[in-house]
Amino acid sequence: MRWHSNLVIGQPYFVVGFVDEKLTVPSIGSFIYMGVAALDENSPSRHCFQDAHSFLAGEAEGVQPNFIALDDDALDMVADKAGLVRWLQADHPEAG
């Protein structure tokens, strides 16, 4: 299931998941969408995100940017604001 409608460069998104196998402890990371292949030409179809903290810090001294690159099939873990609310309210069946 997709938790976002369209990915828009420069907009915030949330990478969601669980830290435990029983799906009781959610993990939510805040990221800014950078676009497809924004990191380098070696990942032409990967969606690139920068963590919100380093994005907002800009060029501040001592703040290193952190990035993630996701394939299309991993976008199920990306939510926009409305999708994050739906994800938090959804039933998540216990894994395996």
C-alpha atoms as a PDB file:
ATOM      1  CA  MET A   1       0.000   0.000   0.000  1.00  0.00           C
ATOM      2  CA  ARG A   2       1.239   3.483  -0.821  1.00  0.00           C
ATOM      3  CA  TRP A   3       1.048   6.097   1.926  1.00  0.00           C
ATOM      4  CA  HIS A   4       1.705   9.064  -0.374  1.00  0.00           C
ATOM      5  CA  SER A   5       0.110  10.398  -3.533  1.00  0.00           C
ATOM      6  CA  ASN A   6       2.862  12.105  -5.524  1.00  0.00           C
ATOM      7  CA  LEU A   7       6.468  12.709  -4.541  1.00  0.00           C
ATOM      8  CA  VAL A   8       7.349  16.389  -4.907  1.00  0.00           C
ATOM      9  CA  ILE A   9      10.965  17.592  -4.817  1.00  0.00           C
ATOM     10  CA  GLY A  10      11.680  19.698  -1.738  1.00  0.00           C
ATOM     11  CA  GLN A  11       8.670  18.439   0.223  1.00  0.00           C
ATOM     12  CA  PRO A  12       8.854  16.512   3.522  1.00  0.00           C
ATOM     13  CA  TYR A  13       8.089  12.794   3.713  1.00  0.00           C
ATOM     14  CA  PHE A  14       8.271  10.173   6.418  1.00  0.00           C
ATOM     15  CA  VAL A  15       9.930   6.778   6.174  1.00  0.00           C
ATOM     16  CA  VAL A  16       7.826   4.468   8.324  1.00  0.00           C
ATOM     17  CA  GLY A  17       8.268   0.962   9.658  1.00  0.00           C
ATOM     18  CA  PHE A  18       8.653  -1.007  12.855  1.00  0.00           C
ATOM     19  CA  VAL A  19      11.698  -1.785  14.962  1.00  0.00           C
ATOM     20  CA  ASP A  20      10.300  -5.064  16.306  1.00  0.00           C
ATOM     21  CA  GLU A  21       8.953  -8.240  14.715  1.00  0.00           C
ATOM     22  CA  LYS A  22       5.618  -8.000  16.550  1.00  0.00           C
ATOM     23  CA  LEU A  23       4.998  -4.601  14.913  1.00  0.00           C
ATOM     24  CA  THR A  24       4.366  -2.832  18.203  1.00  0.00           C
ATOM     25  CA  VAL A  25       7.086  -0.135  18.125  1.00  0.00           C
ATOM     26  CA  PRO A  26       6.854   2.217  15.140  1.00  0.00           C
ATOM     27  CA  SER A  27       9.883   3.918  13.624  1.00  0.00           C
ATOM     28  CA  ILE A  28       9.361   7.208  11.797  1.00  0.00           C
ATOM     29  CA  GLY A  29      12.100   9.206  10.078  1.00  0.00           C
ATOM     30  CA  SER A  30      11.633  12.662   8.543  1.00  0.00           C
ATOM     31  CA  PHE A  31      13.163  13.287   5.111  1.00  0.00           C
ATOM     32  CA  ILE A  32      13.052  15.796   2.265  1.00  0.00           C
ATOM     33  CA  TYR A  33      12.547  14.388  -1.236  1.00  0.00           C
ATOM     34  CA  MET A  34      15.466  15.229  -3.551  1.00  0.00           C
ATOM     35  CA  GLY A  35      14.204  13.510  -6.731  1.00  0.00           C
ATOM     36  CA  VAL A  36      15.164  10.517  -8.840  1.00  0.00           C
ATOM     37  CA  ALA A  37      18.912   9.978  -9.331  1.00  0.00           C
ATOM     38  CA  ALA A  38      19.654  13.116  -7.287  1.00  0.00           C
ATOM     39  CA  LEU A  39      22.696  11.588  -5.581  1.00  0.00           C
ATOM     40  CA  ASP A  40      24.652  10.308  -8.562  1.00  0.00           C
ATOM     41  CA  GLU A  41      24.319   8.865 -12.028  1.00  0.00           C
ATOM     42  CA  ASN A  42      24.864   5.333 -10.691  1.00  0.00           C
ATOM     43  CA  SER A  43      21.307   5.183  -9.349  1.00  0.00           C
ATOM     44  CA  PRO A  44      19.198   6.400 -12.287  1.00  0.00           C
ATOM     45  CA  SER A  45      15.898   4.993 -11.015  1.00  0.00           C
ATOM     46  CA  ARG A  46      16.326   5.411  -7.253  1.00  0.00           C
ATOM     47  CA  HIS A  47      14.349   7.986  -5.282  1.00  0.00           C
ATOM     48  CA  CYS A  48      16.682  10.091  -3.136  1.00  0.00           C
ATOM     49  CA  PHE A  49      15.838  11.651   0.215  1.00  0.00           C
ATOM     50  CA  GLN A  50      17.882  13.765   2.637  1.00  0.00           C
ATOM     51  CA  ASP A  51      17.193  13.609   6.359  1.00  0.00           C
ATOM     52  CA  ALA A  52      15.212  16.662   7.430  1.00  0.00           C
ATOM     53  CA  HIS A  53      17.648  17.687  10.168  1.00  0.00           C
ATOM     54  CA  SER A  54      20.636  18.066   7.858  1.00  0.00           C
ATOM     55  CA  PHE A  55      18.484  19.564   5.088  1.00  0.00           C
ATOM     56  CA  LEU A  56      17.204  22.310   7.391  1.00  0.00           C
ATOM     57  CA  ALA A  57      20.656  22.910   8.874  1.00  0.00           C
ATOM     58  CA  GLY A  58      21.951  23.692   5.397  1.00  0.00           C
ATOM     59  CA  GLU A  59      25.659  24.389   5.424  1.00  0.00           C
ATOM     60  CA  ALA A  60      25.886  24.710   9.218  1.00  0.00           C
ATOM     61  CA  GLU A  61      29.288  23.737  10.572  1.00  0.00           C
ATOM     62  CA  GLY A  62      29.476  20.189  11.869  1.00  0.00           C
ATOM     63  CA  VAL A  63      26.215  18.965  10.303  1.00  0.00           C
ATOM     64  CA  GLN A  64      26.812  16.173   7.811  1.00  0.00           C
ATOM     65  CA  PRO A  65      23.982  15.461   5.358  1.00  0.00           C
ATOM     66  CA  ASN A  66      22.505  11.977   5.444  1.00  0.00           C
ATOM     67  CA  PHE A  67      20.792  10.488   2.423  1.00  0.00           C
ATOM     68  CA  ILE A  68      18.795   7.409   1.541  1.00  0.00           C
ATOM     69  CA  ALA A  69      17.995   6.121  -1.945  1.00  0.00           C
ATOM     70  CA  LEU A  70      14.993   3.855  -2.453  1.00  0.00           C
ATOM     71  CA  ASP A  71      13.872   1.753  -5.388  1.00  0.00           C
ATOM     72  CA  ASP A  72      10.246   1.986  -6.547  1.00  0.00           C
ATOM     73  CA  ASP A  73       9.353  -1.212  -4.681  1.00  0.00           C
ATOM     74  CA  ALA A  74      10.513   0.334  -1.373  1.00  0.00           C
ATOM     75  CA  LEU A  75       8.250   3.387  -1.657  1.00  0.00           C
ATOM     76  CA  ASP A  76       5.575   1.575   0.372  1.00  0.00           C
ATOM     77  CA  MET A  77       7.490   2.747   3.430  1.00  0.00           C
ATOM     78  CA  VAL A  78       7.276   6.441   2.428  1.00  0.00           C
ATOM     79  CA  ALA A  79       4.370   8.569   3.667  1.00  0.00           C
ATOM     80  CA  ASP A  80       3.296  12.145   3.164  1.00  0.00           C
ATOM     81  CA  LYS A  81       1.602  13.949   6.086  1.00  0.00           C
ATOM     82  CA  ALA A  82      -1.879  12.569   5.379  1.00  0.00           C
ATOM     83  CA  GLY A  83      -0.418   9.119   4.698  1.00  0.00           C
ATOM     84  CA  LEU A  84       1.476   9.184   7.994  1.00  0.00           C
ATOM     85  CA  VAL A  85      -1.778   9.773   9.859  1.00  0.00           C
ATOM     86  CA  ARG A  86      -3.431   6.883   7.971  1.00  0.00           C
ATOM     87  CA  TRP A  87      -0.386   4.645   8.594  1.00  0.00           C
ATOM     88  CA  LEU A  88      -0.467   5.345  12.330  1.00  0.00           C
ATOM     89  CA  GLN A  89      -4.190   4.522  12.455  1.00  0.00           C
ATOM     90  CA  ALA A  90      -3.930   1.374  10.319  1.00  0.00           C
ATOM     91  CA  ASP A  91      -3.937  -2.179  11.589  1.00  0.00           C
ATOM     92  CA  HIS A  92      -0.558  -3.764  10.968  1.00  0.00           C
ATOM     93  CA  PRO A  93      -0.751  -7.558  11.144  1.00  0.00           C
ATOM     94  CA  GLU A  94       2.101  -9.180  13.021  1.00  0.00           C
ATOM     95  CA  ALA A  95       4.964 -10.281  10.808  1.00  0.00           C
ATOM     96  CA  GLY A  96       5.786 -13.922  10.202  1.00  0.00           C
END
